[in-house]
């Protein structure tokens, strides 16, 4: 079932959505609505050229990375040791999200349009959306961004203009995230790239138990 949202900052039970994860249509991209959505595993995802209103998804099987499971290949270990790239955190959020949008702007179904971009920039100014940047000779060549709430990070997009720059961003971010007590990185949907990095599926109810968990980090 797909629900129509109005001006109220509420969402229906995610278990009632369509099999593909589509839960609701409408509402806005205000910080209050976005934060409520992410705290329940819901995220906006729609073609801004084709849809008049936001579409909200919540798949019942998520693809996640647990920080302890991040896979660092031999070639990536060599790349990190060489120190060819500089990696920073939250130094150029606008540059990262704009690069992610620009690289996909001509693709069918592109979703990172002006309204969505501005919504995440607002969340960044409020301290909820963060970025990791990868630099080469002073030029931004890769990075990622997403929403960080408590012990969960909800990855939104990444980009790479040089070999392995996005992989480096994910590895370095995951290590930093874990050092601050982060428990789970939500990748939303499975891709071969994310599976190769250590991602795995997780049922929604188990996922929610983890992102709402407030105790000490479990060992297993």
C-alpha atoms as a PDB file:
ATOM      1  CA  UNK A   1       0.000   0.000   0.000  1.00  0.00           C
ATOM      2  CA  UNK A   2       1.250   3.500  -0.855  1.00  0.00           C
ATOM      3  CA  UNK A   3       0.188   6.322   1.459  1.00  0.00           C
ATOM      4  CA  UNK A   4      -0.385   9.987   0.585  1.00  0.00           C
ATOM      5  CA  UNK A   5       1.331  12.341   3.017  1.00  0.00           C
ATOM      6  CA  UNK A   6       0.104  15.815   3.899  1.00  0.00           C
ATOM      7  CA  UNK A   7       1.562  18.686   5.935  1.00  0.00           C
ATOM      8  CA  UNK A   8       1.625  16.639   9.149  1.00  0.00           C
ATOM      9  CA  UNK A   9       5.082  15.320  10.099  1.00  0.00           C
ATOM     10  CA  UNK A  10       4.097  11.657  10.335  1.00  0.00           C
ATOM     11  CA  UNK A  11       4.736   8.409   8.451  1.00  0.00           C
ATOM     12  CA  UNK A  12       2.731   5.194   8.248  1.00  0.00           C
ATOM     13  CA  UNK A  13       4.014   1.872   9.561  1.00  0.00           C
ATOM     14  CA  UNK A  14       6.852   0.882   7.188  1.00  0.00           C
ATOM     15  CA  UNK A  15       5.652  -2.747   7.243  1.00  0.00           C
ATOM     16  CA  UNK A  16       2.624  -1.634   5.197  1.00  0.00           C
ATOM     17  CA  UNK A  17       4.607  -0.457   2.162  1.00  0.00           C
ATOM     18  CA  UNK A  18       4.878  -2.055  -1.258  1.00  0.00           C
ATOM     19  CA  UNK A  19       7.179  -5.061  -1.786  1.00  0.00           C
ATOM     20  CA  UNK A  20       9.741  -2.845  -3.547  1.00  0.00           C
ATOM     21  CA  UNK A  21       9.903  -0.597  -0.485  1.00  0.00           C
ATOM     22  CA  UNK A  22       7.794   2.334  -1.701  1.00  0.00           C
ATOM     23  CA  UNK A  23       5.833   3.490   1.336  1.00  0.00           C
ATOM     24  CA  UNK A  24       4.479   6.987   0.770  1.00  0.00           C
ATOM     25  CA  UNK A  25       4.246   9.944  -1.588  1.00  0.00           C
ATOM     26  CA  UNK A  26       4.046  13.623  -0.771  1.00  0.00           C
ATOM     27  CA  UNK A  27       4.933  15.816   2.149  1.00  0.00           C
ATOM     28  CA  UNK A  28       8.063  17.933   2.019  1.00  0.00           C
ATOM     29  CA  UNK A  29      11.813  17.663   2.581  1.00  0.00           C
ATOM     30  CA  UNK A  30      11.914  19.708   5.766  1.00  0.00           C
ATOM     31  CA  UNK A  31      14.579  18.803   8.333  1.00  0.00           C
ATOM     32  CA  UNK A  32      11.902  17.652  10.761  1.00  0.00           C
ATOM     33  CA  UNK A  33      10.382  15.227   8.261  1.00  0.00           C
ATOM     34  CA  UNK A  34      13.750  13.939   7.073  1.00  0.00           C
ATOM     35  CA  UNK A  35      14.970  13.270  10.613  1.00  0.00           C
ATOM     36  CA  UNK A  36      11.750  11.441  11.501  1.00  0.00           C
ATOM     37  CA  UNK A  37      12.087   9.410   8.308  1.00  0.00           C
ATOM     38  CA  UNK A  38      15.688   8.349   8.885  1.00  0.00           C
ATOM     39  CA  UNK A  39      15.042   7.471  12.523  1.00  0.00           C
ATOM     40  CA  UNK A  40      12.530   4.923  11.183  1.00  0.00           C
ATOM     41  CA  UNK A  41      14.658   3.663   8.299  1.00  0.00           C
ATOM     42  CA  UNK A  42      12.719   5.660   5.681  1.00  0.00           C
ATOM     43  CA  UNK A  43      14.428   7.726   2.993  1.00  0.00           C
ATOM     44  CA  UNK A  44      13.381   9.912   0.023  1.00  0.00           C
ATOM     45  CA  UNK A  45      14.235   8.560  -3.417  1.00  0.00           C
ATOM     46  CA  UNK A  46      12.557   9.743  -6.609  1.00  0.00           C
ATOM     47  CA  UNK A  47      13.280  11.116 -10.060  1.00  0.00           C
ATOM     48  CA  UNK A  48      13.037  14.860  -9.598  1.00  0.00           C
ATOM     49  CA  UNK A  49      12.278  15.373 -13.310  1.00  0.00           C
ATOM     50  CA  UNK A  50       9.405  12.883 -13.338  1.00  0.00           C
ATOM     51  CA  UNK A  51       7.769  13.196  -9.910  1.00  0.00           C
ATOM     52  CA  UNK A  52       5.824  16.180  -8.637  1.00  0.00           C
ATOM     53  CA  UNK A  53       6.097  15.049  -5.012  1.00  0.00           C
ATOM     54  CA  UNK A  54       8.736  13.241  -2.956  1.00  0.00           C
ATOM     55  CA  UNK A  55       8.551   9.461  -2.810  1.00  0.00           C
ATOM     56  CA  UNK A  56       9.544   7.693   0.421  1.00  0.00           C
ATOM     57  CA  UNK A  57      11.030   4.204   0.600  1.00  0.00           C
ATOM     58  CA  UNK A  58      11.632   1.693   3.368  1.00  0.00           C
ATOM     59  CA  UNK A  59      12.720  -1.756   2.070  1.00  0.00           C
ATOM     60  CA  UNK A  60      12.041  -4.617   4.458  1.00  0.00           C
ATOM     61  CA  UNK A  61      15.474  -6.023   3.718  1.00  0.00           C
ATOM     62  CA  UNK A  62      18.320  -3.537   4.025  1.00  0.00           C
ATOM     63  CA  UNK A  63      21.857  -3.749   2.795  1.00  0.00           C
ATOM     64  CA  UNK A  64      24.247  -2.679   5.522  1.00  0.00           C
ATOM     65  CA  UNK A  65      27.901  -2.603   6.475  1.00  0.00           C
ATOM     66  CA  UNK A  66      28.973  -3.284  10.036  1.00  0.00           C
ATOM     67  CA  UNK A  67      32.176  -1.306  10.655  1.00  0.00           C
ATOM     68  CA  UNK A  68      34.034  -4.369  11.906  1.00  0.00           C
ATOM     69  CA  UNK A  69      33.249  -6.133   8.602  1.00  0.00           C
ATOM     70  CA  UNK A  70      34.612  -3.498   6.208  1.00  0.00           C
ATOM     71  CA  UNK A  71      36.787  -5.251   3.652  1.00  0.00           C
ATOM     72  CA  UNK A  72      40.119  -3.621   2.844  1.00  0.00           C
ATOM     73  CA  UNK A  73      41.801  -5.361  -0.070  1.00  0.00           C
ATOM     74  CA  UNK A  74      45.560  -5.727  -0.437  1.00  0.00           C
ATOM     75  CA  UNK A  75      45.575  -3.108  -3.187  1.00  0.00           C
ATOM     76  CA  UNK A  76      43.648  -0.663  -0.985  1.00  0.00           C
ATOM     77  CA  UNK A  77      46.061  -1.234   1.889  1.00  0.00           C
ATOM     78  CA  UNK A  78      48.908  -0.369  -0.466  1.00  0.00           C
ATOM     79  CA  UNK A  79      47.074   2.751  -1.654  1.00  0.00           C
ATOM     80  CA  UNK A  80      46.510   3.904   1.928  1.00  0.00           C
ATOM     81  CA  UNK A  81      50.158   3.336   2.829  1.00  0.00           C
ATOM     82  CA  UNK A  82      51.357   5.375  -0.150  1.00  0.00           C
ATOM     83  CA  UNK A  83      49.461   8.412   1.121  1.00  0.00           C
ATOM     84  CA  UNK A  84      48.746   9.641  -2.393  1.00  0.00           C
ATOM     85  CA  UNK A  85      45.377  11.087  -1.392  1.00  0.00           C
ATOM     86  CA  UNK A  86      44.423  13.430   1.438  1.00  0.00           C
ATOM     87  CA  UNK A  87      41.216  12.558   3.272  1.00  0.00           C
ATOM     88  CA  UNK A  88      39.143  15.066   5.265  1.00  0.00           C
ATOM     89  CA  UNK A  89      35.862  15.031   7.176  1.00  0.00           C
ATOM     90  CA  UNK A  90      33.183  17.703   6.684  1.00  0.00           C
ATOM     91  CA  UNK A  91      35.578  20.059   4.927  1.00  0.00           C
ATOM     92  CA  UNK A  92      33.514  20.490   1.743  1.00  0.00           C
ATOM     93  CA  UNK A  93      30.037  18.984   2.127  1.00  0.00           C
ATOM     94  CA  UNK A  94      28.615  21.190  -0.631  1.00  0.00           C
ATOM     95  CA  UNK A  95      31.349  20.127  -3.033  1.00  0.00           C
ATOM     96  CA  UNK A  96      30.702  16.433  -2.378  1.00  0.00           C
ATOM     97  CA  UNK A  97      26.930  16.527  -2.788  1.00  0.00           C
ATOM     98  CA  UNK A  98      27.166  18.719  -5.881  1.00  0.00           C
ATOM     99  CA  UNK A  99      29.715  16.355  -7.450  1.00  0.00           C
ATOM    100  CA  UNK A 100      27.469  13.368  -6.701  1.00  0.00           C
ATOM    101  CA  UNK A 101      24.553  15.129  -8.373  1.00  0.00           C
ATOM    102  CA  UNK A 102      26.534  16.336 -11.385  1.00  0.00           C
ATOM    103  CA  UNK A 103      27.902  12.881 -12.218  1.00  0.00           C
ATOM    104  CA  UNK A 104      24.374  11.442 -12.366  1.00  0.00           C
ATOM    105  CA  UNK A 105      22.494  14.456 -13.732  1.00  0.00           C
ATOM    106  CA  UNK A 106      22.072  13.034 -17.245  1.00  0.00           C
ATOM    107  CA  UNK A 107      21.054   9.545 -16.126  1.00  0.00           C
ATOM    108  CA  UNK A 108      17.479   8.369 -16.399  1.00  0.00           C
ATOM    109  CA  UNK A 109      15.814   8.593 -12.997  1.00  0.00           C
ATOM    110  CA  UNK A 110      18.417  10.962 -11.536  1.00  0.00           C
ATOM    111  CA  UNK A 111      17.221  11.831  -8.040  1.00  0.00           C
ATOM    112  CA  UNK A 112      19.684  14.356  -6.638  1.00  0.00           C
ATOM    113  CA  UNK A 113      18.035  17.504  -7.968  1.00  0.00           C
ATOM    114  CA  UNK A 114      18.121  21.065  -6.594  1.00  0.00           C
ATOM    115  CA  UNK A 115      15.393  20.523  -3.967  1.00  0.00           C
ATOM    116  CA  UNK A 116      16.983  17.347  -2.599  1.00  0.00           C
ATOM    117  CA  UNK A 117      20.461  18.899  -2.646  1.00  0.00           C
ATOM    118  CA  UNK A 118      19.310  21.922  -0.671  1.00  0.00           C
ATOM    119  CA  UNK A 119      17.495  19.702   1.844  1.00  0.00           C
ATOM    120  CA  UNK A 120      20.701  17.838   2.701  1.00  0.00           C
ATOM    121  CA  UNK A 121      22.680  21.058   2.849  1.00  0.00           C
ATOM    122  CA  UNK A 122      20.214  22.252   5.491  1.00  0.00           C
ATOM    123  CA  UNK A 123      20.722  19.034   7.436  1.00  0.00           C
ATOM    124  CA  UNK A 124      24.476  19.549   7.181  1.00  0.00           C
ATOM    125  CA  UNK A 125      24.225  23.054   8.606  1.00  0.00           C
ATOM    126  CA  UNK A 126      22.255  21.551  11.496  1.00  0.00           C
ATOM    127  CA  UNK A 127      24.959  18.945  12.107  1.00  0.00           C
ATOM    128  CA  UNK A 128      23.090  15.838  10.915  1.00  0.00           C
ATOM    129  CA  UNK A 129      24.412  15.360   7.366  1.00  0.00           C
ATOM    130  CA  UNK A 130      28.152  14.781   7.036  1.00  0.00           C
ATOM    131  CA  UNK A 131      30.718  14.194   4.322  1.00  0.00           C
ATOM    132  CA  UNK A 132      34.079  12.576   3.756  1.00  0.00           C
ATOM    133  CA  UNK A 133      36.313  14.136   1.092  1.00  0.00           C
ATOM    134  CA  UNK A 134      39.218  12.730  -0.896  1.00  0.00           C
ATOM    135  CA  UNK A 135      41.711  15.185  -2.389  1.00  0.00           C
ATOM    136  CA  UNK A 136      44.524  14.880  -4.913  1.00  0.00           C
ATOM    137  CA  UNK A 137      46.871  17.847  -5.303  1.00  0.00           C
ATOM    138  CA  UNK A 138      44.250  20.137  -3.789  1.00  0.00           C
ATOM    139  CA  UNK A 139      41.448  18.920  -6.080  1.00  0.00           C
ATOM    140  CA  UNK A 140      38.325  17.164  -4.786  1.00  0.00           C
ATOM    141  CA  UNK A 141      38.368  13.773  -6.525  1.00  0.00           C
ATOM    142  CA  UNK A 142      36.073  11.621  -4.411  1.00  0.00           C
ATOM    143  CA  UNK A 143      33.877  11.431  -1.383  1.00  0.00           C
ATOM    144  CA  UNK A 144      30.623  10.396   0.216  1.00  0.00           C
ATOM    145  CA  UNK A 145      27.849  11.952   2.248  1.00  0.00           C
ATOM    146  CA  UNK A 146      24.924  10.820   4.351  1.00  0.00           C
ATOM    147  CA  UNK A 147      22.974  11.349   7.554  1.00  0.00           C
ATOM    148  CA  UNK A 148      24.500  10.477  10.938  1.00  0.00           C
ATOM    149  CA  UNK A 149      21.989   9.819  13.723  1.00  0.00           C
ATOM    150  CA  UNK A 150      23.231   8.268  16.939  1.00  0.00           C
ATOM    151  CA  UNK A 151      24.979   4.994  16.119  1.00  0.00           C
ATOM    152  CA  UNK A 152      23.616   4.746  12.597  1.00  0.00           C
ATOM    153  CA  UNK A 153      24.951   6.308   9.408  1.00  0.00           C
ATOM    154  CA  UNK A 154      22.608   6.443   6.433  1.00  0.00           C
ATOM    155  CA  UNK A 155      24.749   6.612   3.327  1.00  0.00           C
ATOM    156  CA  UNK A 156      23.224   8.597   0.494  1.00  0.00           C
ATOM    157  CA  UNK A 157      25.747   8.806  -2.317  1.00  0.00           C
ATOM    158  CA  UNK A 158      29.428   8.716  -3.218  1.00  0.00           C
ATOM    159  CA  UNK A 159      31.542   9.695  -6.196  1.00  0.00           C
ATOM    160  CA  UNK A 160      34.991   9.075  -7.608  1.00  0.00           C
ATOM    161  CA  UNK A 161      36.985  10.963 -10.231  1.00  0.00           C
ATOM    162  CA  UNK A 162      40.188   8.987  -9.612  1.00  0.00           C
ATOM    163  CA  UNK A 163      40.752   5.222  -9.185  1.00  0.00           C
ATOM    164  CA  UNK A 164      39.498   3.927  -5.819  1.00  0.00           C
ATOM    165  CA  UNK A 165      38.757   7.390  -4.399  1.00  0.00           C
ATOM    166  CA  UNK A 166      35.235   6.441  -3.289  1.00  0.00           C
ATOM    167  CA  UNK A 167      36.499   3.171  -1.768  1.00  0.00           C
ATOM    168  CA  UNK A 168      39.082   5.133   0.195  1.00  0.00           C
ATOM    169  CA  UNK A 169      36.378   7.520   1.422  1.00  0.00           C
ATOM    170  CA  UNK A 170      34.215   4.619   2.616  1.00  0.00           C
ATOM    171  CA  UNK A 171      37.084   2.842   4.374  1.00  0.00           C
ATOM    172  CA  UNK A 172      38.362   5.923   6.179  1.00  0.00           C
ATOM    173  CA  UNK A 173      34.858   7.053   7.102  1.00  0.00           C
ATOM    174  CA  UNK A 174      33.981   3.611   8.486  1.00  0.00           C
ATOM    175  CA  UNK A 175      37.081   3.568  10.687  1.00  0.00           C
ATOM    176  CA  UNK A 176      36.307   7.023  12.038  1.00  0.00           C
ATOM    177  CA  UNK A 177      32.616   6.180  12.500  1.00  0.00           C
ATOM    178  CA  UNK A 178      33.496   3.055  14.484  1.00  0.00           C
ATOM    179  CA  UNK A 179      35.885   5.025  16.715  1.00  0.00           C
ATOM    180  CA  UNK A 180      32.914   7.205  17.740  1.00  0.00           C
ATOM    181  CA  UNK A 181      30.769   4.194  18.621  1.00  0.00           C
ATOM    182  CA  UNK A 182      29.033   3.800  15.256  1.00  0.00           C
ATOM    183  CA  UNK A 183      27.325   0.435  14.850  1.00  0.00           C
ATOM    184  CA  UNK A 184      25.766   0.272  11.394  1.00  0.00           C
ATOM    185  CA  UNK A 185      26.102   1.892   7.965  1.00  0.00           C
ATOM    186  CA  UNK A 186      22.868   1.736   5.994  1.00  0.00           C
ATOM    187  CA  UNK A 187      23.601   1.321   2.269  1.00  0.00           C
ATOM    188  CA  UNK A 188      19.843   1.009   1.514  1.00  0.00           C
ATOM    189  CA  UNK A 189      20.161  -1.252  -1.550  1.00  0.00           C
ATOM    190  CA  UNK A 190      22.678  -3.897  -2.558  1.00  0.00           C
ATOM    191  CA  UNK A 191      25.295  -3.256  -5.248  1.00  0.00           C
ATOM    192  CA  UNK A 192      28.243  -5.468  -6.254  1.00  0.00           C
ATOM    193  CA  UNK A 193      30.608  -2.684  -5.165  1.00  0.00           C
ATOM    194  CA  UNK A 194      29.133  -2.485  -1.657  1.00  0.00           C
ATOM    195  CA  UNK A 195      29.013  -6.272  -1.306  1.00  0.00           C
ATOM    196  CA  UNK A 196      32.708  -6.407  -2.166  1.00  0.00           C
ATOM    197  CA  UNK A 197      33.332  -3.897   0.623  1.00  0.00           C
ATOM    198  CA  UNK A 198      31.717  -6.126   3.248  1.00  0.00           C
ATOM    199  CA  UNK A 199      28.033  -5.284   2.935  1.00  0.00           C
ATOM    200  CA  UNK A 200      25.307  -7.808   3.709  1.00  0.00           C
ATOM    201  CA  UNK A 201      21.502  -7.963   3.908  1.00  0.00           C
ATOM    202  CA  UNK A 202      19.677  -7.404   7.171  1.00  0.00           C
ATOM    203  CA  UNK A 203      15.931  -7.748   7.907  1.00  0.00           C
ATOM    204  CA  UNK A 204      14.228  -4.449   8.691  1.00  0.00           C
ATOM    205  CA  UNK A 205      13.196  -5.368  12.235  1.00  0.00           C
ATOM    206  CA  UNK A 206      16.776  -6.362  13.138  1.00  0.00           C
ATOM    207  CA  UNK A 207      17.981  -3.171  11.477  1.00  0.00           C
ATOM    208  CA  UNK A 208      15.599  -1.026  13.547  1.00  0.00           C
ATOM    209  CA  UNK A 209      16.687  -2.741  16.755  1.00  0.00           C
ATOM    210  CA  UNK A 210      20.256  -1.691  16.000  1.00  0.00           C
ATOM    211  CA  UNK A 211      19.688   1.914  14.898  1.00  0.00           C
ATOM    212  CA  UNK A 212      17.498   2.564  17.952  1.00  0.00           C
ATOM    213  CA  UNK A 213      19.913   0.839  20.346  1.00  0.00           C
ATOM    214  CA  UNK A 214      21.311   3.207  22.997  1.00  0.00           C
ATOM    215  CA  UNK A 215      23.407   0.910  25.170  1.00  0.00           C
ATOM    216  CA  UNK A 216      27.094   0.042  24.914  1.00  0.00           C
ATOM    217  CA  UNK A 217      28.362  -1.362  21.631  1.00  0.00           C
ATOM    218  CA  UNK A 218      27.895  -5.152  21.602  1.00  0.00           C
ATOM    219  CA  UNK A 219      30.883  -7.347  20.853  1.00  0.00           C
ATOM    220  CA  UNK A 220      28.948  -9.486  18.364  1.00  0.00           C
END
